Amino acid sequence: MDKNKIIGYGELMLRLTPLEDETLIEQSEGLKMGFAGAEANILIDLALLGHQASFVSAFPKNPIGRAAEQFLQKHGVGTRSITWDQNRLGTYFIEHGTSFRATRVTYDRADSSLSKTVFRAAEWEKAFSGATYFILTGITPALSEICQKNIEMALEVAKKKNVKIVFDMNFRRSLWSSADALKIYESILSKVDIVFGNLGAVTDVFGMDSSPLNDFEALQQATEHAATQLNNKGDFEYLAMTMRFQKSATNNILGGMIMQGDKSYFSRAIPTEIVDRLGGGDAFAAAALHGIIHNWSANASVDFATTAFAVTQTLKGDINYITEEEMLDMASGNLQGHVKR
């Protein structure tokens, strides 16, 4: 077990998908049940890589909440900082796209337990005891003013305890406006040590140029330009961006970039047939942080993170179950998919 203690704050949701792959809810006679959420996904991926991870959240005291807790525990994430109440677990529905039809996510998370739960300074002090990293995403402050105030308090306590702050921008258009996000993001970014994002999030929140991109090389150039602009929003040790050139819903070229100081490091481009569109960015963040924690070079970290990004898109669900050894092999260039016997 890694000596670092990594804390995350956010909402684990009930994840529902049609029983048959690539069908619509209107066509389906049943739904598959699972759990996912950006911060929890990152923590689980880190736990599977051998890190000590723990989640600060709120669940309803009912069978769904208990199943959510068991899901975290099964994957090695600590749940001692979970608060229990009589509200509800946020839910989302996924209809997987194919060809030119996009994957669609429908949220049903109003009045969730997390959105209504206040975490006070003493609770953050306890959660951050012995912690080295704090993971936060741009999704959670969109859920309620209570969540925004919780984040303010958490950041204050984390800074006091010298806990490094990791922020994945993860802007969700369906949850709030760019104008509302801008003020919150700028406040958070001023306190962040490591930031993750992508061209879309930077463009949406900060109104940066979003000219049409005709190839992967143009995407790389635009991503580096956006990262350079974003780098002025804080004093970051690392800034990392995913890149997705989408030929269709299921045919993507994936890549990554890490900026350390004013120097950019790019991964190789990985053509990927998408099985499940969600969880890839979370896998990238977890794998990049894994490399950073182990003092890998920026080149090694971005290759490993992009491999995690791509391989997670070949798995059902949001979690990256591929081992470090397997991903290092892929990151070295072994991407032919030969049978292993």
C-alpha atoms as a PDB file:
ATOM      1  CA  MET A   1       0.000   0.000   0.000  1.00  0.00           C
ATOM      2  CA  ASP A   2       1.324   3.418  -0.959  1.00  0.00           C
ATOM      3  CA  LYS A   3       2.101   5.678   1.999  1.00  0.00           C
ATOM      4  CA  ASN A   4       0.143   8.570   0.485  1.00  0.00           C
ATOM      5  CA  LYS A   5      -3.402   9.075   1.734  1.00  0.00           C
ATOM      6  CA  ILE A   6      -5.666  10.470  -0.960  1.00  0.00           C
ATOM      7  CA  ILE A   7      -9.017  12.049  -0.076  1.00  0.00           C
ATOM      8  CA  GLY A   8     -11.828  12.848  -2.511  1.00  0.00           C
ATOM      9  CA  TYR A   9     -15.082  14.775  -2.094  1.00  0.00           C
ATOM     10  CA  GLY A  10     -18.038  14.315  -4.414  1.00  0.00           C
ATOM     11  CA  GLU A  11     -21.144  12.358  -5.318  1.00  0.00           C
ATOM     12  CA  LEU A  12     -21.265   8.655  -6.082  1.00  0.00           C
ATOM     13  CA  MET A  13     -24.318   8.064  -8.253  1.00  0.00           C
ATOM     14  CA  LEU A  14     -26.524   5.166  -9.190  1.00  0.00           C
ATOM     15  CA  ARG A  15     -25.589   4.320 -12.819  1.00  0.00           C
ATOM     16  CA  LEU A  16     -28.374   2.868 -14.982  1.00  0.00           C
ATOM     17  CA  THR A  17     -27.973   1.647 -18.565  1.00  0.00           C
ATOM     18  CA  PRO A  18     -30.285  -0.277 -20.945  1.00  0.00           C
ATOM     19  CA  LEU A  19     -29.847  -4.040 -20.669  1.00  0.00           C
ATOM     20  CA  GLU A  20     -28.963  -4.362 -24.337  1.00  0.00           C
ATOM     21  CA  ASP A  21     -25.876  -2.494 -25.520  1.00  0.00           C
ATOM     22  CA  GLU A  22     -26.283   0.582 -27.723  1.00  0.00           C
ATOM     23  CA  THR A  23     -30.061   0.778 -27.284  1.00  0.00           C
ATOM     24  CA  LEU A  24     -32.205   3.679 -26.107  1.00  0.00           C
ATOM     25  CA  ILE A  25     -34.160   3.841 -22.874  1.00  0.00           C
ATOM     26  CA  GLU A  26     -37.364   3.927 -24.932  1.00  0.00           C
ATOM     27  CA  GLN A  27     -36.392   0.563 -26.440  1.00  0.00           C
ATOM     28  CA  SER A  28     -35.278  -1.129 -23.235  1.00  0.00           C
ATOM     29  CA  GLU A  29     -37.339  -3.405 -21.003  1.00  0.00           C
ATOM     30  CA  GLY A  30     -34.823  -3.198 -18.185  1.00  0.00           C
ATOM     31  CA  LEU A  31     -31.808  -1.337 -16.852  1.00  0.00           C
ATOM     32  CA  LYS A  32     -28.434  -2.530 -15.558  1.00  0.00           C
ATOM     33  CA  MET A  33     -27.490  -1.075 -12.188  1.00  0.00           C
ATOM     34  CA  GLY A  34     -24.054   0.110 -11.141  1.00  0.00           C
ATOM     35  CA  PHE A  35     -22.368   3.043  -9.403  1.00  0.00           C
ATOM     36  CA  ALA A  36     -20.068   5.790 -10.647  1.00  0.00           C
ATOM     37  CA  GLY A  37     -19.035   9.405 -10.153  1.00  0.00           C
ATOM     38  CA  ALA A  38     -15.968  11.340 -11.234  1.00  0.00           C
ATOM     39  CA  GLU A  39     -14.246  11.695  -7.856  1.00  0.00           C
ATOM     40  CA  ALA A  40     -15.117   8.151  -6.788  1.00  0.00           C
ATOM     41  CA  ASN A  41     -13.892   6.786 -10.130  1.00  0.00           C
ATOM     42  CA  ILE A  42     -10.522   8.490  -9.655  1.00  0.00           C
ATOM     43  CA  LEU A  43     -10.228   7.203  -6.081  1.00  0.00           C
ATOM     44  CA  ILE A  44     -11.118   3.644  -7.099  1.00  0.00           C
ATOM     45  CA  ASP A  45      -8.623   3.684  -9.972  1.00  0.00           C
ATOM     46  CA  LEU A  46      -5.965   4.920  -7.530  1.00  0.00           C
ATOM     47  CA  ALA A  47      -6.887   2.272  -4.956  1.00  0.00           C
ATOM     48  CA  LEU A  48      -6.573  -0.426  -7.624  1.00  0.00           C
ATOM     49  CA  LEU A  49      -3.079   0.941  -8.355  1.00  0.00           C
ATOM     50  CA  GLY A  50      -2.172   0.433  -4.691  1.00  0.00           C
ATOM     51  CA  HIS A  51      -2.864   3.820  -3.131  1.00  0.00           C
ATOM     52  CA  GLN A  52      -4.688   4.541   0.128  1.00  0.00           C
ATOM     53  CA  ALA A  53      -7.897   6.309  -0.878  1.00  0.00           C
ATOM     54  CA  SER A  54     -10.891   7.557   1.102  1.00  0.00           C
ATOM     55  CA  PHE A  55     -14.135   9.258   0.089  1.00  0.00           C
ATOM     56  CA  VAL A  56     -15.988  12.134   1.746  1.00  0.00           C
ATOM     57  CA  SER A  57     -19.625  12.039   0.670  1.00  0.00           C
ATOM     58  CA  ALA A  58     -23.219  11.529   1.791  1.00  0.00           C
ATOM     59  CA  PHE A  59     -25.477   8.545   1.127  1.00  0.00           C
ATOM     60  CA  PRO A  60     -29.121   7.802   1.964  1.00  0.00           C
ATOM     61  CA  LYS A  61     -29.661   5.332   4.769  1.00  0.00           C
ATOM     62  CA  ASN A  62     -31.427   2.741   2.631  1.00  0.00           C
ATOM     63  CA  PRO A  63     -30.475  -0.319   0.522  1.00  0.00           C
ATOM     64  CA  ILE A  64     -29.230   1.852  -2.372  1.00  0.00           C
ATOM     65  CA  GLY A  65     -26.946   3.817  -0.081  1.00  0.00           C
ATOM     66  CA  ARG A  66     -25.639   0.644   1.536  1.00  0.00           C
ATOM     67  CA  ALA A  67     -24.966  -0.875  -1.890  1.00  0.00           C
ATOM     68  CA  ALA A  68     -23.067   2.270  -2.860  1.00  0.00           C
ATOM     69  CA  GLU A  69     -20.907   2.000   0.262  1.00  0.00           C
ATOM     70  CA  GLN A  70     -20.232  -1.676  -0.457  1.00  0.00           C
ATOM     71  CA  PHE A  71     -19.207  -0.775  -4.022  1.00  0.00           C
ATOM     72  CA  LEU A  72     -16.530   1.584  -2.679  1.00  0.00           C
ATOM     73  CA  GLN A  73     -15.344  -0.875  -0.054  1.00  0.00           C
ATOM     74  CA  LYS A  74     -15.143  -3.678  -2.623  1.00  0.00           C
ATOM     75  CA  HIS A  75     -12.720  -1.552  -4.626  1.00  0.00           C
ATOM     76  CA  GLY A  76     -10.583  -0.584  -1.635  1.00  0.00           C
ATOM     77  CA  VAL A  77     -11.836   2.956  -0.973  1.00  0.00           C
ATOM     78  CA  GLY A  78     -12.343   4.012   2.650  1.00  0.00           C
ATOM     79  CA  THR A  79     -15.854   5.051   3.696  1.00  0.00           C
ATOM     80  CA  ARG A  80     -15.387   6.326   7.268  1.00  0.00           C
ATOM     81  CA  SER A  81     -16.127   9.889   6.137  1.00  0.00           C
ATOM     82  CA  ILE A  82     -19.491   9.007   4.572  1.00  0.00           C
ATOM     83  CA  THR A  83     -22.456  10.821   6.166  1.00  0.00           C
ATOM     84  CA  TRP A  84     -25.879   9.146   6.204  1.00  0.00           C
ATOM     85  CA  ASP A  85     -29.303  10.811   5.884  1.00  0.00           C
ATOM     86  CA  GLN A  86     -32.870  10.249   4.671  1.00  0.00           C
ATOM     87  CA  ASN A  87     -32.573  11.862   1.220  1.00  0.00           C
ATOM     88  CA  ARG A  88     -31.607  10.101  -2.028  1.00  0.00           C
ATOM     89  CA  LEU A  89     -28.643   8.986  -4.086  1.00  0.00           C
ATOM     90  CA  GLY A  90     -28.128  10.949  -7.287  1.00  0.00           C
ATOM     91  CA  THR A  91     -28.846   8.895 -10.401  1.00  0.00           C
ATOM     92  CA  TYR A  92     -27.812   9.026 -14.029  1.00  0.00           C
ATOM     93  CA  PHE A  93     -28.864   7.111 -17.119  1.00  0.00           C
ATOM     94  CA  ILE A  94     -26.487   6.275 -19.992  1.00  0.00           C
ATOM     95  CA  GLU A  95     -27.534   5.444 -23.534  1.00  0.00           C
ATOM     96  CA  HIS A  96     -24.379   4.353 -25.341  1.00  0.00           C
ATOM     97  CA  GLY A  97     -23.958   5.816 -28.806  1.00  0.00           C
ATOM     98  CA  THR A  98     -22.638   4.152 -31.927  1.00  0.00           C
ATOM     99  CA  SER A  99     -21.559   5.328 -35.375  1.00  0.00           C
ATOM    100  CA  PHE A 100     -22.725   8.966 -35.695  1.00  0.00           C
ATOM    101  CA  ARG A 101     -25.232   8.734 -32.785  1.00  0.00           C
ATOM    102  CA  ALA A 102     -23.694  10.229 -29.637  1.00  0.00           C
ATOM    103  CA  THR A 103     -23.727   8.704 -26.180  1.00  0.00           C
ATOM    104  CA  ARG A 104     -26.361  10.459 -24.055  1.00  0.00           C
ATOM    105  CA  VAL A 105     -26.324  10.994 -20.286  1.00  0.00           C
ATOM    106  CA  THR A 106     -29.488  12.006 -18.420  1.00  0.00           C
ATOM    107  CA  TYR A 107     -29.049  13.205 -14.834  1.00  0.00           C
ATOM    108  CA  ASP A 108     -31.578  12.757 -12.033  1.00  0.00           C
ATOM    109  CA  ARG A 109     -29.696  14.111  -9.052  1.00  0.00           C
ATOM    110  CA  ALA A 110     -31.702  17.036  -7.635  1.00  0.00           C
ATOM    111  CA  ASP A 111     -32.059  17.050  -3.825  1.00  0.00           C
ATOM    112  CA  SER A 112     -29.505  14.292  -3.414  1.00  0.00           C
ATOM    113  CA  SER A 113     -27.941  13.494  -0.058  1.00  0.00           C
ATOM    114  CA  LEU A 114     -24.643  15.119  -1.031  1.00  0.00           C
ATOM    115  CA  SER A 115     -26.268  18.329  -2.248  1.00  0.00           C
ATOM    116  CA  LYS A 116     -27.920  18.829   1.150  1.00  0.00           C
ATOM    117  CA  THR A 117     -25.147  17.755   3.544  1.00  0.00           C
ATOM    118  CA  VAL A 118     -22.999  20.338   5.348  1.00  0.00           C
ATOM    119  CA  PHE A 119     -19.474  19.272   6.291  1.00  0.00           C
ATOM    120  CA  ARG A 120     -18.011  21.432   9.034  1.00  0.00           C
ATOM    121  CA  ALA A 121     -14.381  22.325   9.745  1.00  0.00           C
ATOM    122  CA  ALA A 122     -13.989  19.624  12.405  1.00  0.00           C
ATOM    123  CA  GLU A 123     -15.125  16.961   9.931  1.00  0.00           C
ATOM    124  CA  TRP A 124     -12.634  18.175   7.319  1.00  0.00           C
ATOM    125  CA  GLU A 125      -9.900  18.266   9.944  1.00  0.00           C
ATOM    126  CA  LYS A 126     -10.621  14.614  10.719  1.00  0.00           C
ATOM    127  CA  ALA A 127     -10.881  13.579   7.065  1.00  0.00           C
ATOM    128  CA  PHE A 128      -7.568  15.268   6.174  1.00  0.00           C
ATOM    129  CA  SER A 129      -5.635  13.766   9.084  1.00  0.00           C
ATOM    130  CA  GLY A 130      -2.506  12.284   7.508  1.00  0.00           C
ATOM    131  CA  ALA A 131      -3.684  13.111   3.978  1.00  0.00           C
ATOM    132  CA  THR A 132      -1.309  14.114   1.201  1.00  0.00           C
ATOM    133  CA  TYR A 133      -3.693  14.780  -1.719  1.00  0.00           C
ATOM    134  CA  PHE A 134      -7.264  16.079  -2.017  1.00  0.00           C
ATOM    135  CA  ILE A 135      -9.229  15.341  -5.190  1.00  0.00           C
ATOM    136  CA  LEU A 136     -12.036  17.617  -6.303  1.00  0.00           C
ATOM    137  CA  THR A 137     -13.840  18.081  -9.617  1.00  0.00           C
ATOM    138  CA  GLY A 138     -15.853  20.867 -11.206  1.00  0.00           C
ATOM    139  CA  ILE A 139     -18.996  18.739 -11.024  1.00  0.00           C
ATOM    140  CA  THR A 140     -19.536  18.946  -7.269  1.00  0.00           C
ATOM    141  CA  PRO A 141     -19.816  22.755  -6.901  1.00  0.00           C
ATOM    142  CA  ALA A 142     -22.536  22.671  -9.577  1.00  0.00           C
ATOM    143  CA  LEU A 143     -24.804  20.589  -7.334  1.00  0.00           C
ATOM    144  CA  SER A 144     -25.719  23.181  -4.682  1.00  0.00           C
ATOM    145  CA  GLU A 145     -24.591  26.210  -2.706  1.00  0.00           C
ATOM    146  CA  ILE A 146     -24.050  23.844   0.218  1.00  0.00           C
ATOM    147  CA  CYS A 147     -21.508  21.924  -1.862  1.00  0.00           C
ATOM    148  CA  GLN A 148     -19.798  25.189  -2.830  1.00  0.00           C
ATOM    149  CA  LYS A 149     -19.469  26.197   0.820  1.00  0.00           C
ATOM    150  CA  ASN A 150     -18.216  22.726   1.727  1.00  0.00           C
ATOM    151  CA  ILE A 151     -15.517  23.095  -0.927  1.00  0.00           C
ATOM    152  CA  GLU A 152     -14.468  26.502   0.410  1.00  0.00           C
ATOM    153  CA  MET A 153     -14.078  25.026   3.877  1.00  0.00           C
ATOM    154  CA  ALA A 154     -12.297  21.914   2.589  1.00  0.00           C
ATOM    155  CA  LEU A 155      -9.788  23.969   0.614  1.00  0.00           C
ATOM    156  CA  GLU A 156      -9.089  26.158   3.628  1.00  0.00           C
ATOM    157  CA  VAL A 157      -8.412  23.143   5.850  1.00  0.00           C
ATOM    158  CA  ALA A 158      -6.403  21.354   3.140  1.00  0.00           C
ATOM    159  CA  LYS A 159      -4.154  24.361   2.666  1.00  0.00           C
ATOM    160  CA  LYS A 160      -3.640  24.672   6.417  1.00  0.00           C
ATOM    161  CA  LYS A 161      -2.581  21.015   6.552  1.00  0.00           C
ATOM    162  CA  ASN A 162      -0.348  21.267   3.444  1.00  0.00           C
ATOM    163  CA  VAL A 163      -2.477  18.776   1.546  1.00  0.00           C
ATOM    164  CA  LYS A 164      -1.899  19.060  -2.219  1.00  0.00           C
ATOM    165  CA  ILE A 165      -5.076  19.952  -4.097  1.00  0.00           C
ATOM    166  CA  VAL A 166      -5.962  18.146  -7.321  1.00  0.00           C
ATOM    167  CA  PHE A 167      -8.750  19.651  -9.439  1.00  0.00           C
ATOM    168  CA  ASP A 168     -10.316  18.055 -12.513  1.00  0.00           C
ATOM    169  CA  MET A 169     -12.331  20.760 -14.277  1.00  0.00           C
ATOM    170  CA  ASN A 170     -15.062  18.393 -15.575  1.00  0.00           C
ATOM    171  CA  PHE A 171     -17.519  21.091 -16.685  1.00  0.00           C
ATOM    172  CA  ARG A 172     -21.074  19.765 -17.180  1.00  0.00           C
ATOM    173  CA  ARG A 173     -23.285  22.001 -19.338  1.00  0.00           C
ATOM    174  CA  SER A 174     -26.472  20.310 -18.144  1.00  0.00           C
ATOM    175  CA  LEU A 175     -25.779  21.174 -14.484  1.00  0.00           C
ATOM    176  CA  TRP A 176     -24.963  24.891 -14.655  1.00  0.00           C
ATOM    177  CA  SER A 177     -23.954  27.756 -16.914  1.00  0.00           C
ATOM    178  CA  SER A 178     -20.463  28.795 -17.958  1.00  0.00           C
ATOM    179  CA  ALA A 179     -20.978  32.140 -16.195  1.00  0.00           C
ATOM    180  CA  ASP A 180     -21.825  30.429 -12.897  1.00  0.00           C
ATOM    181  CA  ALA A 181     -18.915  28.033 -13.243  1.00  0.00           C
ATOM    182  CA  LEU A 182     -16.381  30.730 -14.092  1.00  0.00           C
ATOM    183  CA  LYS A 183     -16.399  32.454 -10.702  1.00  0.00           C
ATOM    184  CA  ILE A 184     -16.186  29.168  -8.791  1.00  0.00           C
ATOM    185  CA  TYR A 185     -13.468  27.715 -11.009  1.00  0.00           C
ATOM    186  CA  GLU A 186     -11.282  30.804 -10.743  1.00  0.00           C
ATOM    187  CA  SER A 187     -11.527  30.690  -6.957  1.00  0.00           C
ATOM    188  CA  ILE A 188     -10.644  26.994  -6.845  1.00  0.00           C
ATOM    189  CA  LEU A 189      -7.831  27.226  -9.406  1.00  0.00           C
ATOM    190  CA  SER A 190      -6.080  29.887  -7.333  1.00  0.00           C
ATOM    191  CA  LYS A 191      -5.522  27.211  -4.652  1.00  0.00           C
ATOM    192  CA  VAL A 192      -4.787  24.177  -6.828  1.00  0.00           C
ATOM    193  CA  ASP A 193      -1.489  22.290  -7.137  1.00  0.00           C
ATOM    194  CA  ILE A 194      -2.424  19.893  -9.968  1.00  0.00           C
ATOM    195  CA  VAL A 195      -5.138  20.568 -12.534  1.00  0.00           C
ATOM    196  CA  PHE A 196      -6.735  18.305 -15.138  1.00  0.00           C
ATOM    197  CA  GLY A 197      -8.956  19.317 -18.018  1.00  0.00           C
ATOM    198  CA  ASN A 198      -9.542  19.220 -21.745  1.00  0.00           C
ATOM    199  CA  LEU A 199     -10.016  21.695 -24.556  1.00  0.00           C
ATOM    200  CA  GLY A 200     -13.816  21.591 -24.271  1.00  0.00           C
ATOM    201  CA  ALA A 201     -13.875  22.462 -20.567  1.00  0.00           C
ATOM    202  CA  VAL A 202     -11.398  25.335 -20.991  1.00  0.00           C
ATOM    203  CA  THR A 203     -13.366  26.677 -23.959  1.00  0.00           C
ATOM    204  CA  ASP A 204     -16.744  26.371 -22.228  1.00  0.00           C
ATOM    205  CA  VAL A 205     -15.758  27.939 -18.906  1.00  0.00           C
ATOM    206  CA  PHE A 206     -13.229  30.570 -19.973  1.00  0.00           C
ATOM    207  CA  GLY A 207     -14.612  31.416 -23.402  1.00  0.00           C
ATOM    208  CA  MET A 208     -11.413  30.625 -25.248  1.00  0.00           C
ATOM    209  CA  ASP A 209     -11.342  30.196 -29.023  1.00  0.00           C
ATOM    210  CA  SER A 210     -13.020  27.018 -30.306  1.00  0.00           C
ATOM    211  CA  SER A 211     -12.290  26.942 -34.037  1.00  0.00           C
ATOM    212  CA  PRO A 212     -13.178  23.718 -35.915  1.00  0.00           C
ATOM    213  CA  LEU A 213     -10.432  21.091 -35.707  1.00  0.00           C
ATOM    214  CA  ASN A 214      -9.834  18.945 -38.776  1.00  0.00           C
ATOM    215  CA  ASP A 215      -7.212  16.505 -37.512  1.00  0.00           C
ATOM    216  CA  PHE A 216      -5.426  15.275 -34.397  1.00  0.00           C
ATOM    217  CA  GLU A 217      -2.438  17.556 -34.946  1.00  0.00           C
ATOM    218  CA  ALA A 218      -4.727  20.600 -34.898  1.00  0.00           C
ATOM    219  CA  LEU A 219      -6.272  19.277 -31.665  1.00  0.00           C
ATOM    220  CA  GLN A 220      -2.807  19.000 -30.105  1.00  0.00           C
ATOM    221  CA  GLN A 221      -1.977  22.584 -31.034  1.00  0.00           C
ATOM    222  CA  ALA A 222      -5.304  23.908 -29.735  1.00  0.00           C
ATOM    223  CA  THR A 223      -4.928  21.921 -26.505  1.00  0.00           C
ATOM    224  CA  GLU A 224      -1.442  23.295 -25.859  1.00  0.00           C
ATOM    225  CA  HIS A 225      -2.685  26.833 -26.514  1.00  0.00           C
ATOM    226  CA  ALA A 226      -5.611  26.359 -24.101  1.00  0.00           C
ATOM    227  CA  ALA A 227      -3.308  24.850 -21.476  1.00  0.00           C
ATOM    228  CA  THR A 228      -0.957  27.820 -21.762  1.00  0.00           C
ATOM    229  CA  GLN A 229      -3.876  30.174 -21.146  1.00  0.00           C
ATOM    230  CA  LEU A 230      -5.189  28.063 -18.270  1.00  0.00           C
ATOM    231  CA  ASN A 231      -1.727  27.955 -16.731  1.00  0.00           C
ATOM    232  CA  ASN A 232      -2.105  31.678 -15.957  1.00  0.00           C
ATOM    233  CA  LYS A 233      -5.076  30.964 -13.646  1.00  0.00           C
ATOM    234  CA  GLY A 234      -2.973  29.519 -10.843  1.00  0.00           C
ATOM    235  CA  ASP A 235       0.425  28.369  -9.649  1.00  0.00           C
ATOM    236  CA  PHE A 236       0.306  24.740 -10.754  1.00  0.00           C
ATOM    237  CA  GLU A 237       2.953  22.072 -10.294  1.00  0.00           C
ATOM    238  CA  TYR A 238       1.372  20.145 -13.171  1.00  0.00           C
ATOM    239  CA  LEU A 239      -1.380  20.841 -15.674  1.00  0.00           C
ATOM    240  CA  ALA A 240      -2.624  17.842 -17.656  1.00  0.00           C
ATOM    241  CA  MET A 241      -5.109  17.650 -20.520  1.00  0.00           C
ATOM    242  CA  THR A 242      -6.808  14.800 -22.336  1.00  0.00           C
ATOM    243  CA  MET A 243      -7.327  14.964 -26.091  1.00  0.00           C
ATOM    244  CA  ARG A 244     -10.115  13.227 -28.008  1.00  0.00           C
ATOM    245  CA  PHE A 245     -10.399  13.473 -31.792  1.00  0.00           C
ATOM    246  CA  GLN A 246     -13.773  11.942 -32.504  1.00  0.00           C
ATOM    247  CA  LYS A 247     -14.326  10.409 -35.934  1.00  0.00           C
ATOM    248  CA  SER A 248     -17.562   8.837 -34.689  1.00  0.00           C
ATOM    249  CA  ALA A 249     -19.131   7.832 -31.366  1.00  0.00           C
ATOM    250  CA  THR A 250     -17.119   4.609 -31.380  1.00  0.00           C
ATOM    251  CA  ASN A 251     -14.017   5.547 -33.410  1.00  0.00           C
ATOM    252  CA  ASN A 252     -11.769   8.003 -31.544  1.00  0.00           C
ATOM    253  CA  ILE A 253      -8.115   8.983 -31.479  1.00  0.00           C
ATOM    254  CA  LEU A 254      -7.046   9.641 -27.879  1.00  0.00           C
ATOM    255  CA  GLY A 255      -4.040  11.456 -26.483  1.00  0.00           C
ATOM    256  CA  GLY A 256      -2.759  13.394 -23.512  1.00  0.00           C
ATOM    257  CA  MET A 257      -0.516  16.271 -22.529  1.00  0.00           C
ATOM    258  CA  ILE A 258       1.233  17.240 -19.302  1.00  0.00           C
ATOM    259  CA  MET A 259       2.536  20.764 -18.809  1.00  0.00           C
ATOM    260  CA  GLN A 260       5.218  21.192 -16.158  1.00  0.00           C
ATOM    261  CA  GLY A 261       6.217  24.822 -15.809  1.00  0.00           C
ATOM    262  CA  ASP A 262       6.182  26.155 -19.356  1.00  0.00           C
ATOM    263  CA  LYS A 263       7.186  22.872 -21.017  1.00  0.00           C
ATOM    264  CA  SER A 264       4.650  20.544 -22.643  1.00  0.00           C
ATOM    265  CA  TYR A 265       4.946  16.767 -22.948  1.00  0.00           C
ATOM    266  CA  PHE A 266       2.669  14.853 -25.333  1.00  0.00           C
ATOM    267  CA  SER A 267       1.774  11.166 -25.439  1.00  0.00           C
ATOM    268  CA  ARG A 268       1.479   9.134 -28.617  1.00  0.00           C
ATOM    269  CA  ALA A 269      -1.941   9.161 -30.264  1.00  0.00           C
ATOM    270  CA  ILE A 270      -3.936   5.977 -29.604  1.00  0.00           C
ATOM    271  CA  PRO A 271      -6.716   5.017 -32.077  1.00  0.00           C
ATOM    272  CA  THR A 272      -9.458   3.502 -29.914  1.00  0.00           C
ATOM    273  CA  GLU A 273     -12.709   1.641 -30.567  1.00  0.00           C
ATOM    274  CA  ILE A 274     -15.012   2.852 -27.799  1.00  0.00           C
ATOM    275  CA  VAL A 275     -16.947   0.284 -25.761  1.00  0.00           C
ATOM    276  CA  ASP A 276     -18.032   2.625 -22.944  1.00  0.00           C
ATOM    277  CA  ARG A 277     -17.495   6.379 -23.320  1.00  0.00           C
ATOM    278  CA  LEU A 278     -17.469   7.261 -19.609  1.00  0.00           C
ATOM    279  CA  GLY A 279     -14.648   7.041 -17.059  1.00  0.00           C
ATOM    280  CA  GLY A 280     -11.739   7.648 -19.423  1.00  0.00           C
ATOM    281  CA  GLY A 281     -10.861  11.115 -18.167  1.00  0.00           C
ATOM    282  CA  ASP A 282     -11.028   9.877 -14.587  1.00  0.00           C
ATOM    283  CA  ALA A 283      -8.642   7.026 -15.455  1.00  0.00           C
ATOM    284  CA  PHE A 284      -6.274   9.551 -17.051  1.00  0.00           C
ATOM    285  CA  ALA A 285      -6.274  11.710 -13.906  1.00  0.00           C
ATOM    286  CA  ALA A 286      -5.694   8.731 -11.601  1.00  0.00           C
ATOM    287  CA  ALA A 287      -2.864   7.343 -13.733  1.00  0.00           C
ATOM    288  CA  ALA A 288      -1.177  10.737 -14.144  1.00  0.00           C
ATOM    289  CA  LEU A 289      -1.324  11.284 -10.377  1.00  0.00           C
ATOM    290  CA  HIS A 290       0.092   7.775  -9.891  1.00  0.00           C
ATOM    291  CA  GLY A 291       3.072   8.730 -12.033  1.00  0.00           C
ATOM    292  CA  ILE A 292       3.516  12.068 -10.270  1.00  0.00           C
ATOM    293  CA  ILE A 293       3.417  10.420  -6.833  1.00  0.00           C
ATOM    294  CA  HIS A 294       6.106   7.950  -7.929  1.00  0.00           C
ATOM    295  CA  ASN A 295       8.287  10.729  -9.368  1.00  0.00           C
ATOM    296  CA  TRP A 296       8.133   9.405 -12.914  1.00  0.00           C
ATOM    297  CA  SER A 297       9.224  11.741 -15.683  1.00  0.00           C
ATOM    298  CA  ALA A 298       6.517  13.835 -17.302  1.00  0.00           C
ATOM    299  CA  ASN A 299       6.947  11.784 -20.503  1.00  0.00           C
ATOM    300  CA  ALA A 300       6.450   8.505 -18.651  1.00  0.00           C
ATOM    301  CA  SER A 301       3.483   9.872 -16.695  1.00  0.00           C
ATOM    302  CA  VAL A 302       1.642  11.190 -19.756  1.00  0.00           C
ATOM    303  CA  ASP A 303       2.193   7.965 -21.712  1.00  0.00           C
ATOM    304  CA  PHE A 304       0.913   5.910 -18.777  1.00  0.00           C
ATOM    305  CA  ALA A 305      -2.054   8.239 -18.200  1.00  0.00           C
ATOM    306  CA  THR A 306      -3.071   8.231 -21.858  1.00  0.00           C
ATOM    307  CA  THR A 307      -2.861   4.443 -21.938  1.00  0.00           C
ATOM    308  CA  ALA A 308      -5.208   4.355 -18.929  1.00  0.00           C
ATOM    309  CA  PHE A 309      -7.494   6.857 -20.675  1.00  0.00           C
ATOM    310  CA  ALA A 310      -7.707   4.724 -23.806  1.00  0.00           C
ATOM    311  CA  VAL A 311      -7.868   1.253 -22.284  1.00  0.00           C
ATOM    312  CA  THR A 312     -10.683   2.244 -19.908  1.00  0.00           C
ATOM    313  CA  GLN A 313     -12.781   3.128 -22.967  1.00  0.00           C
ATOM    314  CA  THR A 314     -12.509  -0.540 -24.028  1.00  0.00           C
ATOM    315  CA  LEU A 315     -14.116  -1.742 -20.769  1.00  0.00           C
ATOM    316  CA  LYS A 316     -17.751  -1.715 -19.660  1.00  0.00           C
ATOM    317  CA  GLY A 317     -18.342   0.698 -16.801  1.00  0.00           C
ATOM    318  CA  ASP A 318     -16.325   3.618 -15.452  1.00  0.00           C
ATOM    319  CA  ILE A 319     -13.552   1.759 -13.631  1.00  0.00           C
ATOM    320  CA  ASN A 320     -10.080   0.929 -14.966  1.00  0.00           C
ATOM    321  CA  TYR A 321      -9.339  -2.666 -13.932  1.00  0.00           C
ATOM    322  CA  ILE A 322      -6.135  -2.966 -15.995  1.00  0.00           C
ATOM    323  CA  THR A 323      -3.018  -3.486 -13.879  1.00  0.00           C
ATOM    324  CA  GLU A 324      -0.014  -1.177 -13.742  1.00  0.00           C
ATOM    325  CA  GLU A 325       2.147  -3.877 -15.358  1.00  0.00           C
ATOM    326  CA  GLU A 326      -0.272  -4.303 -18.261  1.00  0.00           C
ATOM    327  CA  MET A 327      -0.582  -0.555 -18.816  1.00  0.00           C
ATOM    328  CA  LEU A 328       3.181  -0.050 -18.726  1.00  0.00           C
ATOM    329  CA  ASP A 329       3.478  -2.712 -21.414  1.00  0.00           C
ATOM    330  CA  MET A 330       0.874  -0.914 -23.529  1.00  0.00           C
ATOM    331  CA  ALA A 331       2.481   2.472 -22.860  1.00  0.00           C
ATOM    332  CA  SER A 332       5.762   1.094 -24.226  1.00  0.00           C
ATOM    333  CA  GLY A 333       4.019   0.628 -27.582  1.00  0.00           C
ATOM    334  CA  ASN A 334       2.455  -2.835 -27.320  1.00  0.00           C
ATOM    335  CA  LEU A 335      -0.955  -1.847 -28.685  1.00  0.00           C
ATOM    336  CA  GLN A 336      -1.621  -4.618 -31.209  1.00  0.00           C
ATOM    337  CA  GLY A 337      -4.079  -6.508 -28.995  1.00  0.00           C
ATOM    338  CA  HIS A 338      -2.520  -9.937 -29.557  1.00  0.00           C
ATOM    339  CA  VAL A 339      -3.966 -12.891 -27.639  1.00  0.00           C
ATOM    340  CA  LYS A 340      -2.048 -13.558 -24.418  1.00  0.00           C
ATOM    341  CA  ARG A 341      -1.715 -17.227 -23.472  1.00  0.00           C
END
